[in-house]
N, C-alpha and C. Protein backbone atom coordinates (compact mmCIF):
# COMPACT_ATOMS: atom_id res chain seq x y z
N MET A 1 34.39 -2.40 -8.10
CA MET A 1 33.84 -3.63 -8.08
C MET A 1 33.02 -3.62 -9.55
N ASN A 2 33.24 -4.13 -10.71
CA ASN A 2 32.70 -3.74 -12.23
C ASN A 2 31.15 -4.31 -11.90
N GLY A 3 30.09 -3.82 -12.35
CA GLY A 3 28.96 -3.41 -12.48
C GLY A 3 28.08 -3.22 -11.36
N TYR A 4 28.81 -2.97 -10.52
CA TYR A 4 28.06 -2.44 -9.38
C TYR A 4 28.16 -1.07 -8.84
N ARG A 5 27.50 -0.34 -8.70
CA ARG A 5 27.24 1.03 -8.51
C ARG A 5 27.62 1.68 -6.81
N PHE A 6 27.11 0.49 -6.25
CA PHE A 6 27.11 0.19 -4.92
C PHE A 6 27.86 -0.47 -4.00
N THR A 7 28.63 0.06 -2.86
CA THR A 7 29.59 -1.48 -2.63
C THR A 7 29.60 -0.83 -0.98
N HIS A 8 29.67 -1.83 -0.40
CA HIS A 8 29.45 -1.63 1.37
C HIS A 8 30.68 -2.21 1.96
N PRO A 9 31.62 -1.48 2.74
CA PRO A 9 32.52 -2.52 3.76
C PRO A 9 31.86 -2.96 4.55
N ILE A 10 32.63 -4.30 4.86
CA ILE A 10 32.15 -5.09 6.05
C ILE A 10 33.57 -5.66 6.66
N GLU A 11 33.06 -5.18 8.20
CA GLU A 11 34.19 -5.73 9.19
C GLU A 11 33.99 -7.19 9.83
N VAL A 12 34.98 -7.85 9.31
CA VAL A 12 34.68 -9.37 9.63
C VAL A 12 35.08 -9.42 11.25
N ARG A 13 34.14 -9.84 12.07
CA ARG A 13 34.39 -9.58 13.43
C ARG A 13 35.11 -11.11 13.83
N TYR A 14 35.58 -11.30 15.21
CA TYR A 14 36.13 -12.49 15.80
C TYR A 14 34.70 -13.71 15.70
N GLY A 15 33.38 -12.91 16.14
CA GLY A 15 32.22 -13.39 16.59
C GLY A 15 31.80 -14.12 15.52
N ASP A 16 32.21 -13.77 14.01
CA ASP A 16 31.61 -14.45 12.73
C ASP A 16 32.09 -15.78 12.74
N LEU A 17 33.19 -16.10 13.05
CA LEU A 17 34.02 -17.05 12.48
C LEU A 17 33.54 -18.49 13.53
N ASP A 18 33.58 -19.52 12.74
CA ASP A 18 33.31 -21.05 13.38
C ASP A 18 34.50 -21.56 13.77
N PRO A 19 34.02 -22.63 14.21
CA PRO A 19 35.53 -23.51 15.12
C PRO A 19 36.65 -23.84 14.17
N GLN A 20 36.19 -23.49 12.78
CA GLN A 20 37.55 -24.00 11.69
C GLN A 20 38.05 -22.66 11.64
N GLY A 21 38.05 -21.56 11.95
CA GLY A 21 38.61 -20.56 12.04
C GLY A 21 38.25 -19.36 10.53
N HIS A 22 37.43 -19.60 10.01
CA HIS A 22 36.67 -18.76 8.81
C HIS A 22 35.01 -18.18 9.34
N VAL A 23 35.11 -17.59 8.40
CA VAL A 23 33.55 -16.84 8.84
C VAL A 23 32.60 -18.10 8.29
N ASN A 24 31.51 -18.25 9.35
CA ASN A 24 30.50 -19.04 9.33
C ASN A 24 29.41 -18.91 8.54
N ASN A 25 29.03 -19.77 7.78
CA ASN A 25 28.14 -19.58 6.32
C ASN A 25 26.93 -18.50 6.61
N ALA A 26 26.44 -18.77 8.03
CA ALA A 26 25.26 -18.02 7.98
C ALA A 26 25.66 -16.73 8.35
N LYS A 27 26.58 -16.28 8.51
CA LYS A 27 26.80 -14.51 8.20
C LYS A 27 26.80 -14.21 7.16
N TYR A 28 27.05 -14.86 6.29
CA TYR A 28 27.15 -14.28 4.97
C TYR A 28 25.88 -13.51 4.86
N LEU A 29 24.62 -14.04 4.83
CA LEU A 29 23.53 -13.62 5.25
C LEU A 29 23.49 -12.48 5.94
N THR A 30 24.10 -12.26 6.94
CA THR A 30 23.82 -10.75 7.43
C THR A 30 24.72 -10.10 7.10
N TYR A 31 25.96 -10.35 6.34
CA TYR A 31 26.76 -9.37 5.53
C TYR A 31 25.94 -8.79 4.25
N LEU A 32 25.04 -9.68 3.84
CA LEU A 32 24.10 -8.97 2.58
C LEU A 32 23.23 -8.25 3.02
N GLU A 33 22.90 -8.65 4.28
CA GLU A 33 21.54 -7.58 5.14
C GLU A 33 22.02 -6.23 5.30
N GLN A 34 23.41 -6.64 5.74
CA GLN A 34 24.06 -5.16 6.33
C GLN A 34 24.35 -4.13 4.97
N ALA A 35 24.45 -5.02 3.92
CA ALA A 35 24.86 -3.76 2.37
C ALA A 35 23.50 -3.44 2.01
N ARG A 36 22.46 -4.53 2.03
CA ARG A 36 21.13 -3.90 1.29
C ARG A 36 20.54 -2.68 2.36
N ILE A 37 20.95 -2.85 3.70
CA ILE A 37 20.11 -2.00 4.29
C ILE A 37 21.10 -0.93 4.00
N ALA A 38 22.06 -0.41 3.91
CA ALA A 38 23.16 0.62 3.59
C ALA A 38 22.64 0.98 2.18
N TYR A 39 22.45 0.20 0.95
CA TYR A 39 22.17 0.57 0.04
C TYR A 39 20.78 1.08 -0.14
N ILE A 40 19.60 0.75 0.77
CA ILE A 40 18.01 1.25 1.11
C ILE A 40 18.38 2.84 1.73
N GLY A 41 19.58 2.72 2.46
CA GLY A 41 19.95 4.15 3.17
C GLY A 41 20.25 4.90 2.40
N SER A 42 21.23 4.44 1.68
CA SER A 42 22.28 5.57 0.51
C SER A 42 21.10 6.31 -0.76
N LEU A 43 20.05 5.49 -0.91
CA LEU A 43 19.23 6.04 -2.16
C LEU A 43 17.71 7.09 -1.24
N GLY A 44 17.86 7.03 0.46
CA GLY A 44 17.05 7.73 0.66
C GLY A 44 15.91 6.70 0.81
N LEU A 45 15.60 5.79 0.73
CA LEU A 45 14.71 5.00 0.74
C LEU A 45 14.02 4.53 2.39
N TRP A 46 14.91 4.93 3.09
CA TRP A 46 14.65 4.61 4.49
C TRP A 46 16.03 5.51 5.39
N THR A 47 15.44 6.20 6.43
CA THR A 47 16.22 7.24 7.17
C THR A 47 16.25 6.85 8.42
N GLY A 48 16.14 5.70 8.67
CA GLY A 48 16.89 5.17 10.14
C GLY A 48 15.67 5.18 11.15
N GLY A 49 14.35 5.60 10.53
CA GLY A 49 13.22 5.48 11.85
C GLY A 49 12.97 4.02 12.14
N SER A 50 11.97 3.86 12.75
CA SER A 50 11.25 2.63 12.85
C SER A 50 11.65 1.04 11.82
N PHE A 51 12.40 0.47 12.06
CA PHE A 51 12.39 -1.05 11.11
C PHE A 51 11.37 -1.48 10.32
N LEU A 52 9.84 -1.15 10.89
CA LEU A 52 8.83 -1.41 10.54
C LEU A 52 8.19 -0.45 9.25
N ASP A 53 9.12 0.45 9.16
CA ASP A 53 9.02 1.32 8.03
C ASP A 53 9.59 0.89 6.65
N ILE A 54 10.51 0.27 7.27
CA ILE A 54 11.40 -0.21 5.81
C ILE A 54 10.31 -0.77 4.55
N GLY A 55 9.79 -1.58 4.96
CA GLY A 55 8.64 -2.04 3.86
C GLY A 55 9.15 -3.01 3.26
N ILE A 56 10.10 -3.70 3.42
CA ILE A 56 10.24 -5.24 2.60
C ILE A 56 10.59 -6.18 3.50
N ILE A 57 10.20 -7.43 2.67
CA ILE A 57 10.50 -8.68 3.82
C ILE A 57 11.25 -9.31 2.70
N LEU A 58 12.39 -10.38 2.89
CA LEU A 58 13.14 -10.87 2.47
C LEU A 58 12.28 -12.78 1.94
N ALA A 59 11.92 -12.72 0.60
CA ALA A 59 11.16 -13.72 0.32
C ALA A 59 11.83 -15.12 -0.32
N ASP A 60 13.51 -14.74 -1.01
CA ASP A 60 13.99 -15.75 -1.49
C ASP A 60 15.50 -15.26 -1.14
N ALA A 61 16.21 -16.25 -1.25
CA ALA A 61 17.74 -15.82 -1.21
C ALA A 61 18.51 -17.17 -1.92
N HIS A 62 19.43 -16.71 -2.33
CA HIS A 62 20.61 -18.27 -3.18
C HIS A 62 22.03 -17.21 -2.88
N LEU A 63 23.02 -18.54 -2.53
CA LEU A 63 23.78 -17.78 -2.17
C LEU A 63 25.14 -18.94 -2.63
N THR A 64 25.90 -18.56 -3.51
CA THR A 64 27.49 -19.42 -3.61
C THR A 64 28.67 -18.70 -3.07
N PHE A 65 29.11 -20.14 -2.24
CA PHE A 65 30.46 -19.69 -1.61
C PHE A 65 31.72 -20.05 -2.62
N ARG A 66 32.43 -19.25 -2.96
CA ARG A 66 33.92 -19.12 -3.46
C ARG A 66 34.77 -19.81 -2.99
N SER A 67 34.81 -18.73 -1.98
CA SER A 67 36.41 -18.81 -1.06
C SER A 67 36.17 -18.42 0.25
N ALA A 68 36.85 -19.11 1.35
CA ALA A 68 36.50 -18.92 2.91
C ALA A 68 36.69 -17.33 2.97
N ILE A 69 36.17 -16.91 3.82
CA ILE A 69 36.56 -15.49 4.53
C ILE A 69 37.26 -15.44 5.86
N GLN A 70 38.35 -15.14 6.05
CA GLN A 70 39.26 -15.02 7.10
C GLN A 70 39.00 -13.64 7.73
N PHE A 71 39.10 -13.71 9.51
CA PHE A 71 39.13 -12.66 10.70
C PHE A 71 40.16 -11.99 9.69
N GLY A 72 39.59 -10.51 10.05
CA GLY A 72 40.34 -9.36 9.75
C GLY A 72 40.41 -9.31 7.83
N GLN A 73 40.03 -10.11 7.42
CA GLN A 73 40.12 -10.01 5.89
C GLN A 73 39.40 -8.48 5.20
N PRO A 74 39.88 -7.43 4.64
CA PRO A 74 38.94 -6.55 3.61
C PRO A 74 37.87 -6.98 3.18
N VAL A 75 36.73 -7.09 3.43
CA VAL A 75 35.61 -7.47 2.44
C VAL A 75 34.86 -6.11 2.14
N GLN A 76 34.00 -6.21 0.96
CA GLN A 76 33.46 -5.45 0.22
C GLN A 76 32.19 -5.80 -0.39
N VAL A 77 31.21 -5.47 -0.02
CA VAL A 77 29.65 -6.48 -0.64
C VAL A 77 28.96 -5.17 -1.75
N GLY A 78 29.28 -5.55 -2.95
CA GLY A 78 28.43 -4.69 -4.20
C GLY A 78 27.27 -5.28 -3.91
N VAL A 79 26.04 -4.38 -4.39
CA VAL A 79 24.71 -4.59 -4.29
C VAL A 79 24.16 -3.64 -5.49
N ARG A 80 23.17 -4.46 -6.25
CA ARG A 80 22.64 -4.12 -7.16
C ARG A 80 20.97 -4.53 -7.51
N VAL A 81 20.32 -3.58 -7.98
CA VAL A 81 19.08 -4.32 -7.92
C VAL A 81 18.91 -4.41 -9.39
N THR A 82 18.07 -5.82 -9.75
CA THR A 82 17.99 -5.91 -11.52
C THR A 82 16.70 -5.96 -11.93
N ARG A 83 15.55 -6.12 -10.86
CA ARG A 83 14.29 -6.26 -11.51
C ARG A 83 13.42 -5.54 -10.58
N LEU A 84 12.61 -4.99 -10.92
CA LEU A 84 11.61 -4.28 -10.19
C LEU A 84 10.14 -4.62 -10.61
N GLY A 85 9.61 -5.44 -9.57
CA GLY A 85 8.24 -5.97 -10.32
C GLY A 85 7.08 -4.96 -9.45
N ASN A 86 5.78 -5.74 -9.45
CA ASN A 86 4.56 -4.98 -9.12
C ASN A 86 4.90 -5.04 -7.69
N LYS A 87 5.46 -6.24 -6.91
CA LYS A 87 5.26 -6.03 -5.51
C LYS A 87 6.69 -6.42 -4.67
N SER A 88 7.71 -6.70 -5.85
CA SER A 88 9.05 -7.31 -4.89
C SER A 88 10.25 -6.34 -6.22
N LEU A 89 11.28 -7.18 -6.12
CA LEU A 89 12.69 -6.37 -6.78
C LEU A 89 13.43 -7.57 -6.24
N ASN A 90 14.14 -7.75 -7.19
CA ASN A 90 15.44 -8.64 -7.33
C ASN A 90 16.87 -7.82 -7.16
N MET A 91 17.47 -8.41 -6.21
CA MET A 91 19.09 -7.85 -6.01
C MET A 91 19.82 -8.82 -6.12
N GLU A 92 21.19 -8.55 -6.45
CA GLU A 92 22.26 -9.34 -6.44
C GLU A 92 23.42 -8.45 -5.84
N TYR A 93 24.25 -9.33 -5.40
CA TYR A 93 25.23 -9.16 -4.66
C TYR A 93 26.69 -10.18 -4.95
N CYS A 94 27.57 -9.05 -4.47
CA CYS A 94 28.98 -9.83 -4.70
C CYS A 94 30.13 -9.56 -3.98
N LEU A 95 30.40 -9.97 -2.60
CA LEU A 95 31.30 -10.31 -2.11
C LEU A 95 32.77 -10.75 -2.26
N GLU A 96 33.74 -9.44 -2.10
CA GLU A 96 34.54 -9.64 -2.43
C GLU A 96 35.91 -8.83 -1.52
N ASP A 97 37.33 -9.72 -1.72
CA ASP A 97 38.44 -9.04 -0.62
C ASP A 97 38.71 -7.64 -1.72
N ASP A 98 38.68 -6.81 -0.52
CA ASP A 98 38.69 -5.38 -1.04
C ASP A 98 40.38 -5.17 -1.61
N ASN A 99 41.11 -6.25 -1.09
CA ASN A 99 42.68 -5.64 -1.19
C ASN A 99 42.85 -6.27 -2.71
N THR A 100 42.64 -7.51 -3.08
CA THR A 100 42.85 -8.46 -4.47
C THR A 100 41.65 -8.39 -5.04
N GLY A 101 40.65 -8.11 -4.90
CA GLY A 101 39.54 -8.19 -5.65
C GLY A 101 39.08 -9.49 -6.16
N GLN A 102 39.40 -10.33 -5.40
CA GLN A 102 38.86 -11.99 -5.71
C GLN A 102 37.80 -12.07 -4.88
N GLU A 103 36.90 -12.74 -6.00
CA GLU A 103 35.28 -12.76 -5.44
C GLU A 103 35.35 -14.08 -4.22
N LEU A 104 35.01 -13.73 -3.31
CA LEU A 104 34.79 -14.84 -2.12
C LEU A 104 33.16 -15.41 -2.24
N ALA A 105 31.93 -14.77 -2.91
CA ALA A 105 30.81 -15.08 -2.86
C ALA A 105 29.94 -14.17 -3.52
N SER A 106 28.94 -14.93 -4.22
CA SER A 106 27.90 -14.19 -4.76
C SER A 106 26.59 -14.41 -4.59
N ALA A 107 25.43 -13.55 -4.62
CA ALA A 107 23.94 -13.62 -4.23
C ALA A 107 22.74 -13.31 -4.71
N SER A 108 21.77 -13.59 -4.50
CA SER A 108 20.59 -12.64 -5.03
C SER A 108 19.56 -13.02 -4.39
N THR A 109 18.69 -12.30 -4.28
CA THR A 109 17.68 -12.38 -3.24
C THR A 109 16.31 -11.84 -3.99
N VAL A 110 15.35 -12.18 -3.50
CA VAL A 110 14.02 -11.39 -4.16
C VAL A 110 13.33 -10.93 -2.68
N LEU A 111 12.82 -9.66 -2.79
CA LEU A 111 12.38 -8.63 -1.61
C LEU A 111 10.81 -8.23 -2.20
N VAL A 112 10.26 -8.61 -0.98
CA VAL A 112 8.66 -8.13 -1.05
C VAL A 112 8.04 -6.92 -0.50
N THR A 113 7.44 -6.38 -1.33
CA THR A 113 7.32 -5.13 -0.33
C THR A 113 6.21 -5.45 0.50
N TYR A 114 5.89 -4.68 1.82
CA TYR A 114 5.60 -5.87 2.51
C TYR A 114 5.53 -4.04 3.75
N ASP A 115 3.66 -3.97 4.40
CA ASP A 115 3.58 -3.68 5.33
C ASP A 115 3.49 -4.43 6.64
N TYR A 116 4.17 -4.18 7.35
CA TYR A 116 4.45 -4.71 8.70
C TYR A 116 3.25 -4.77 9.59
N ARG A 117 2.34 -3.45 9.63
CA ARG A 117 1.38 -3.60 10.17
C ARG A 117 0.11 -3.90 9.97
N SER A 118 -0.23 -4.02 8.72
CA SER A 118 -1.41 -4.71 8.38
C SER A 118 -0.95 -6.39 7.63
N GLY A 119 0.08 -6.61 7.75
CA GLY A 119 0.48 -8.10 7.69
C GLY A 119 0.29 -8.37 5.96
N ASN A 120 0.48 -7.28 4.99
CA ASN A 120 -0.04 -7.28 3.89
C ASN A 120 0.98 -7.20 2.61
N THR A 121 1.09 -7.84 1.38
CA THR A 121 2.07 -7.15 0.48
C THR A 121 1.35 -6.23 0.01
N ILE A 122 2.48 -5.26 -0.23
CA ILE A 122 1.60 -3.82 -1.21
C ILE A 122 2.73 -3.59 -2.04
N PRO A 123 1.97 -2.93 -3.28
CA PRO A 123 2.78 -2.23 -4.33
C PRO A 123 3.96 -1.35 -4.00
N LEU A 124 4.94 -1.66 -4.87
CA LEU A 124 6.32 -1.22 -4.74
C LEU A 124 5.98 0.26 -4.80
N PRO A 125 6.40 1.23 -3.73
CA PRO A 125 6.26 2.41 -3.89
C PRO A 125 6.92 3.20 -4.81
N ALA A 126 6.14 4.39 -5.41
CA ALA A 126 6.48 4.79 -6.75
C ALA A 126 7.64 5.62 -6.47
N ASP A 127 8.18 6.07 -5.27
CA ASP A 127 9.38 6.67 -4.85
C ASP A 127 10.37 6.07 -4.95
N TRP A 128 10.26 4.71 -4.61
CA TRP A 128 11.51 3.84 -4.63
C TRP A 128 11.45 3.28 -6.12
N ARG A 129 10.57 3.14 -6.78
CA ARG A 129 10.49 2.73 -7.91
C ARG A 129 11.53 3.40 -9.00
N GLU A 130 11.14 5.29 -8.84
CA GLU A 130 11.84 6.10 -9.25
C GLU A 130 13.15 6.15 -9.16
N LYS A 131 13.85 6.17 -7.43
CA LYS A 131 15.23 6.28 -7.40
C LYS A 131 15.96 5.28 -7.59
N ILE A 132 15.38 4.07 -7.39
CA ILE A 132 15.90 2.83 -7.60
C ILE A 132 16.23 2.55 -9.27
N SER A 133 15.64 2.96 -10.03
CA SER A 133 15.53 3.19 -11.72
C SER A 133 16.52 3.93 -12.07
N GLN A 134 16.66 5.46 -11.50
CA GLN A 134 17.33 6.36 -12.09
C GLN A 134 18.78 5.71 -11.32
N PHE A 135 19.03 5.68 -10.28
CA PHE A 135 20.31 4.70 -9.68
C PHE A 135 20.80 3.82 -10.43
N GLU A 136 20.21 2.88 -10.80
CA GLU A 136 20.50 1.69 -11.57
C GLU A 136 20.63 1.66 -12.81
N GLY A 137 20.02 2.87 -13.42
CA GLY A 137 19.74 3.00 -14.77
C GLY A 137 18.90 1.97 -15.53
N LEU A 138 18.09 1.83 -15.00
CA LEU A 138 16.80 0.76 -15.27
C LEU A 138 15.70 1.35 -16.02
N PRO A 139 15.25 0.95 -16.95
CA PRO A 139 14.29 1.42 -18.08
C PRO A 139 13.29 1.48 -17.03
N PRO A 140 12.39 2.89 -17.26
CA PRO A 140 11.32 3.21 -16.23
C PRO A 140 10.14 2.27 -16.60
N SER A 141 9.68 1.66 -15.41
CA SER A 141 8.05 0.95 -15.70
C SER A 141 7.21 1.29 -15.09
């Protein structure tokens, strides 16, 4: 997948379908979430403990549908971070058919670093900034 250093496979399940026989629109956000958590885990930013320890909250999401996804279709999601802010980061996604390379959807999200226990936004952790910058080839900030 061109321009994405990280991809994550998605298994399209029967329960993901709507009455029209293709993946329900709301499931696309679930696919993005699965890929986002896999990305975070692959960089060692979350090791599988409490979900309260991930430290991000979804603030904004934009999704463009390009082609319906069918049951059993091999799908992969490309994930990349495009901006690191003081208390937030931007991610982009591309969902594509793993066999044909056809783009099925594209998306972008803004994630805010957040302390779930105190209920406050927090600065982007330095280790996150360093690991993401290094992985994505972003300039150090």
